[in-house]
């Protein structure tokens, strides 16, 4: 009558070698942080933020009016004697 639940895919701690539940973020034996893979929603959000930042930079450079250089180099004239 009980539904068969799939067994969780335990992760092995790289620090101490013990098994950990896949949803845990920290090893209960040694306290090392367990790296979680990035899900698709976080990946999409990161790509969206990067595209917005790149778009703002391109927009700021494209719209900027050309400015005169504040550094004036001396003009070297060659005189023929």
N, C-alpha and C. Protein backbone atom coordinates (compact mmCIF):
# COMPACT_ATOMS: atom_id res chain seq x y z
N UNK A 1 0.80 -1.19 0.00
CA UNK A 1 0.00 0.00 0.00
C UNK A 1 0.85 1.27 0.00
N UNK A 2 2.07 1.14 0.47
CA UNK A 2 2.93 2.32 0.48
C UNK A 2 3.54 2.50 -0.90
N UNK A 3 3.62 3.76 -1.31
CA UNK A 3 4.23 4.04 -2.61
C UNK A 3 5.75 3.91 -2.46
N UNK A 4 6.33 3.30 -3.43
CA UNK A 4 7.78 3.17 -3.40
C UNK A 4 8.42 4.52 -3.71
N UNK A 5 9.16 5.03 -2.76
CA UNK A 5 9.85 6.29 -2.96
C UNK A 5 11.26 5.98 -3.46
N UNK A 6 11.72 6.72 -4.45
CA UNK A 6 13.08 6.46 -4.94
C UNK A 6 14.09 6.82 -3.85
N UNK A 7 15.12 6.03 -3.77
CA UNK A 7 16.16 6.32 -2.79
C UNK A 7 16.92 7.56 -3.23
N UNK A 8 17.23 8.44 -2.29
CA UNK A 8 17.96 9.65 -2.68
C UNK A 8 19.37 9.31 -3.15
N UNK A 9 19.85 10.09 -4.09
CA UNK A 9 21.19 9.91 -4.62
C UNK A 9 22.17 10.64 -3.68
N UNK A 10 22.72 9.89 -2.74
CA UNK A 10 23.58 10.50 -1.73
C UNK A 10 24.85 11.04 -2.36
N UNK A 11 25.32 12.14 -1.79
CA UNK A 11 26.57 12.73 -2.25
C UNK A 11 27.66 12.40 -1.24
N UNK A 12 28.86 12.21 -1.75
CA UNK A 12 30.00 11.88 -0.90
C UNK A 12 30.77 13.17 -0.62
N UNK A 13 31.06 13.39 0.66
CA UNK A 13 31.83 14.57 1.07
C UNK A 13 33.27 14.40 0.59
N UNK A 14 33.81 15.44 -0.05
CA UNK A 14 35.19 15.37 -0.55
C UNK A 14 36.20 15.55 0.58
N UNK A 15 35.74 16.07 1.71
CA UNK A 15 36.65 16.32 2.83
C UNK A 15 36.83 15.07 3.70
N UNK A 16 35.70 14.43 4.08
CA UNK A 16 35.79 13.29 5.01
C UNK A 16 35.37 11.96 4.38
N UNK A 17 34.67 11.99 3.23
CA UNK A 17 34.28 10.76 2.56
C UNK A 17 32.96 10.15 3.02
N UNK A 18 32.22 10.80 3.90
CA UNK A 18 30.95 10.27 4.38
C UNK A 18 29.81 10.60 3.42
N UNK A 19 28.72 9.78 3.47
CA UNK A 19 27.55 10.04 2.64
C UNK A 19 26.72 11.16 3.24
N UNK A 20 26.15 11.98 2.36
CA UNK A 20 25.29 13.08 2.79
C UNK A 20 24.04 13.10 1.94
N UNK A 21 22.96 13.60 2.54
CA UNK A 21 21.71 13.72 1.80
C UNK A 21 21.89 14.74 0.67
N UNK A 22 21.25 14.51 -0.49
CA UNK A 22 21.47 15.42 -1.62
C UNK A 22 20.98 16.85 -1.39
N UNK A 23 20.05 17.05 -0.46
CA UNK A 23 19.54 18.40 -0.20
C UNK A 23 20.34 19.15 0.85
N UNK A 24 21.27 18.48 1.51
CA UNK A 24 22.04 19.17 2.56
C UNK A 24 23.12 20.03 1.92
N UNK A 25 23.39 21.15 2.54
CA UNK A 25 24.39 22.07 2.02
C UNK A 25 25.70 22.00 2.78
N UNK A 26 25.69 21.23 3.87
CA UNK A 26 26.89 21.13 4.72
C UNK A 26 26.98 19.70 5.26
N UNK A 27 28.20 19.20 5.32
CA UNK A 27 28.42 17.85 5.83
C UNK A 27 28.19 17.86 7.34
N UNK A 28 27.31 16.98 7.86
CA UNK A 28 27.07 16.97 9.31
C UNK A 28 28.24 16.41 10.11
N UNK A 29 29.16 15.67 9.48
CA UNK A 29 30.28 15.08 10.21
C UNK A 29 31.46 16.02 10.33
N UNK A 30 31.84 16.66 9.22
CA UNK A 30 33.05 17.50 9.27
C UNK A 30 32.74 18.99 9.10
N UNK A 31 31.53 19.34 8.66
CA UNK A 31 31.14 20.74 8.53
C UNK A 31 31.56 21.38 7.21
N UNK A 32 32.11 20.60 6.29
CA UNK A 32 32.53 21.17 5.01
C UNK A 32 31.30 21.52 4.17
N UNK A 33 31.41 22.59 3.40
CA UNK A 33 30.33 23.00 2.52
C UNK A 33 30.26 22.06 1.32
N UNK A 34 29.04 21.64 1.00
CA UNK A 34 28.83 20.77 -0.15
C UNK A 34 28.35 21.62 -1.31
N UNK A 35 29.03 21.51 -2.42
CA UNK A 35 28.69 22.31 -3.60
C UNK A 35 27.44 21.76 -4.24
N UNK A 36 26.50 22.65 -4.55
CA UNK A 36 25.27 22.26 -5.21
C UNK A 36 25.34 22.71 -6.67
N UNK A 37 24.83 21.90 -7.57
CA UNK A 37 24.81 22.33 -8.97
C UNK A 37 23.78 23.45 -9.16
N UNK A 38 24.03 24.33 -10.12
CA UNK A 38 23.13 25.45 -10.38
C UNK A 38 21.92 24.94 -11.14
N UNK A 39 20.72 25.29 -10.67
CA UNK A 39 19.51 24.87 -11.37
C UNK A 39 19.26 25.79 -12.57
N UNK A 40 18.32 25.43 -13.40
CA UNK A 40 18.11 26.17 -14.66
C UNK A 40 17.60 27.58 -14.40
N UNK A 41 16.82 27.79 -13.36
CA UNK A 41 16.27 29.12 -13.08
C UNK A 41 17.38 30.08 -12.67
N UNK A 42 18.30 29.63 -11.82
CA UNK A 42 19.42 30.47 -11.41
C UNK A 42 20.34 30.77 -12.59
N UNK A 43 20.56 29.77 -13.44
CA UNK A 43 21.39 29.96 -14.62
C UNK A 43 20.77 30.99 -15.56
N UNK A 44 19.45 30.89 -15.78
CA UNK A 44 18.74 31.84 -16.63
C UNK A 44 18.80 33.25 -16.04
N UNK A 45 18.64 33.37 -14.72
CA UNK A 45 18.72 34.68 -14.07
C UNK A 45 20.10 35.29 -14.20
N UNK A 46 21.15 34.49 -14.05
CA UNK A 46 22.51 34.99 -14.19
C UNK A 46 22.78 35.48 -15.60
N UNK A 47 22.34 34.72 -16.60
CA UNK A 47 22.52 35.13 -18.00
C UNK A 47 21.75 36.42 -18.28
N UNK A 48 20.54 36.54 -17.74
CA UNK A 48 19.73 37.74 -17.94
C UNK A 48 20.41 38.97 -17.32
N UNK A 49 20.94 38.83 -16.13
CA UNK A 49 21.63 39.95 -15.48
C UNK A 49 22.86 40.36 -16.28
N UNK A 50 23.64 39.38 -16.77
CA UNK A 50 24.81 39.70 -17.58
C UNK A 50 24.43 40.42 -18.86
N UNK A 51 23.36 39.99 -19.52
CA UNK A 51 22.93 40.65 -20.75
C UNK A 51 22.47 42.08 -20.49
N UNK A 52 21.79 42.32 -19.38
CA UNK A 52 21.34 43.67 -19.04
C UNK A 52 22.54 44.57 -18.77
N UNK A 53 23.52 44.09 -18.03
CA UNK A 53 24.71 44.89 -17.73
C UNK A 53 25.48 45.21 -19.01
N UNK A 54 25.66 44.22 -19.87
CA UNK A 54 26.36 44.45 -21.14
C UNK A 54 25.58 45.43 -22.00
N UNK A 55 24.27 45.30 -22.03
CA UNK A 55 23.43 46.23 -22.79
C UNK A 55 23.54 47.65 -22.27
N UNK A 56 23.57 47.83 -20.95
CA UNK A 56 23.71 49.18 -20.39
C UNK A 56 25.07 49.79 -20.72
N UNK A 57 26.11 48.97 -20.71
CA UNK A 57 27.44 49.48 -21.05
C UNK A 57 27.49 49.90 -22.52
N UNK A 58 26.95 49.07 -23.40
CA UNK A 58 26.92 49.41 -24.82
C UNK A 58 26.08 50.65 -25.06
N UNK A 59 24.96 50.77 -24.40
CA UNK A 59 24.11 51.95 -24.54
C UNK A 59 24.83 53.21 -24.07
N UNK A 60 25.53 53.13 -22.95
CA UNK A 60 26.24 54.30 -22.43
C UNK A 60 27.36 54.74 -23.36
N UNK A 61 28.04 53.79 -23.97
CA UNK A 61 29.13 54.14 -24.89
C UNK A 61 28.56 54.67 -26.20
N UNK A 62 27.46 54.10 -26.69
CA UNK A 62 26.89 54.49 -27.96
C UNK A 62 26.26 55.88 -27.91
N UNK A 63 25.60 56.22 -26.81
CA UNK A 63 24.88 57.49 -26.68
C UNK A 63 25.83 58.65 -26.35
N UNK A 64 26.95 58.35 -25.76
CA UNK A 64 27.87 59.40 -25.31
C UNK A 64 28.30 60.25 -26.49
N UNK A 65 28.21 61.56 -26.32
CA UNK A 65 28.65 62.46 -27.39
C UNK A 65 30.17 62.51 -27.41
N UNK A 66 30.73 62.71 -28.57
CA UNK A 66 32.20 62.76 -28.64
C UNK A 66 32.71 63.98 -27.87
N UNK A 67 33.70 63.77 -27.09
CA UNK A 67 34.24 64.86 -26.28
C UNK A 67 35.62 65.24 -26.78
N UNK A 68 35.97 66.46 -26.53
CA UNK A 68 37.30 66.94 -26.87
C UNK A 68 38.28 66.43 -25.84
N UNK A 69 39.44 66.12 -26.29
CA UNK A 69 40.47 65.66 -25.37
C UNK A 69 40.95 66.84 -24.54
N UNK A 70 41.15 66.61 -23.28
CA UNK A 70 41.62 67.69 -22.40
C UNK A 70 43.14 67.81 -22.44
N UNK A 71 43.77 66.86 -23.06
CA UNK A 71 45.22 66.92 -23.18
C UNK A 71 45.54 67.48 -24.56
N UNK A 72 46.22 68.60 -24.58
CA UNK A 72 46.61 69.21 -25.83
C UNK A 72 48.09 68.96 -26.05
N UNK A 73 48.39 68.23 -27.10
CA UNK A 73 49.78 67.95 -27.42
C UNK A 73 50.37 69.12 -28.18
N UNK A 74 51.62 69.43 -27.94
CA UNK A 74 52.23 70.54 -28.68
C UNK A 74 52.37 70.18 -30.16
N UNK A 75 52.16 71.20 -30.97
CA UNK A 75 52.24 71.00 -32.40
C UNK A 75 53.70 71.20 -32.79
N UNK A 76 54.26 70.24 -33.45
CA UNK A 76 55.67 70.33 -33.87
C UNK A 76 55.66 70.70 -35.34
N UNK A 77 56.22 71.85 -35.61
CA UNK A 77 56.30 72.29 -36.99
C UNK A 77 57.74 72.16 -37.48
N UNK A 78 57.89 71.66 -38.64
CA UNK A 78 59.23 71.51 -39.20
C UNK A 78 59.48 72.73 -40.10
N UNK A 79 60.49 73.44 -39.76
CA UNK A 79 60.85 74.60 -40.59
C UNK A 79 62.05 74.24 -41.45
N UNK A 80 61.96 74.61 -42.69
CA UNK A 80 63.03 74.33 -43.62
C UNK A 80 63.94 75.55 -43.68
N UNK A 81 65.21 75.39 -43.40
CA UNK A 81 66.10 76.54 -43.43
C UNK A 81 67.11 76.44 -44.52
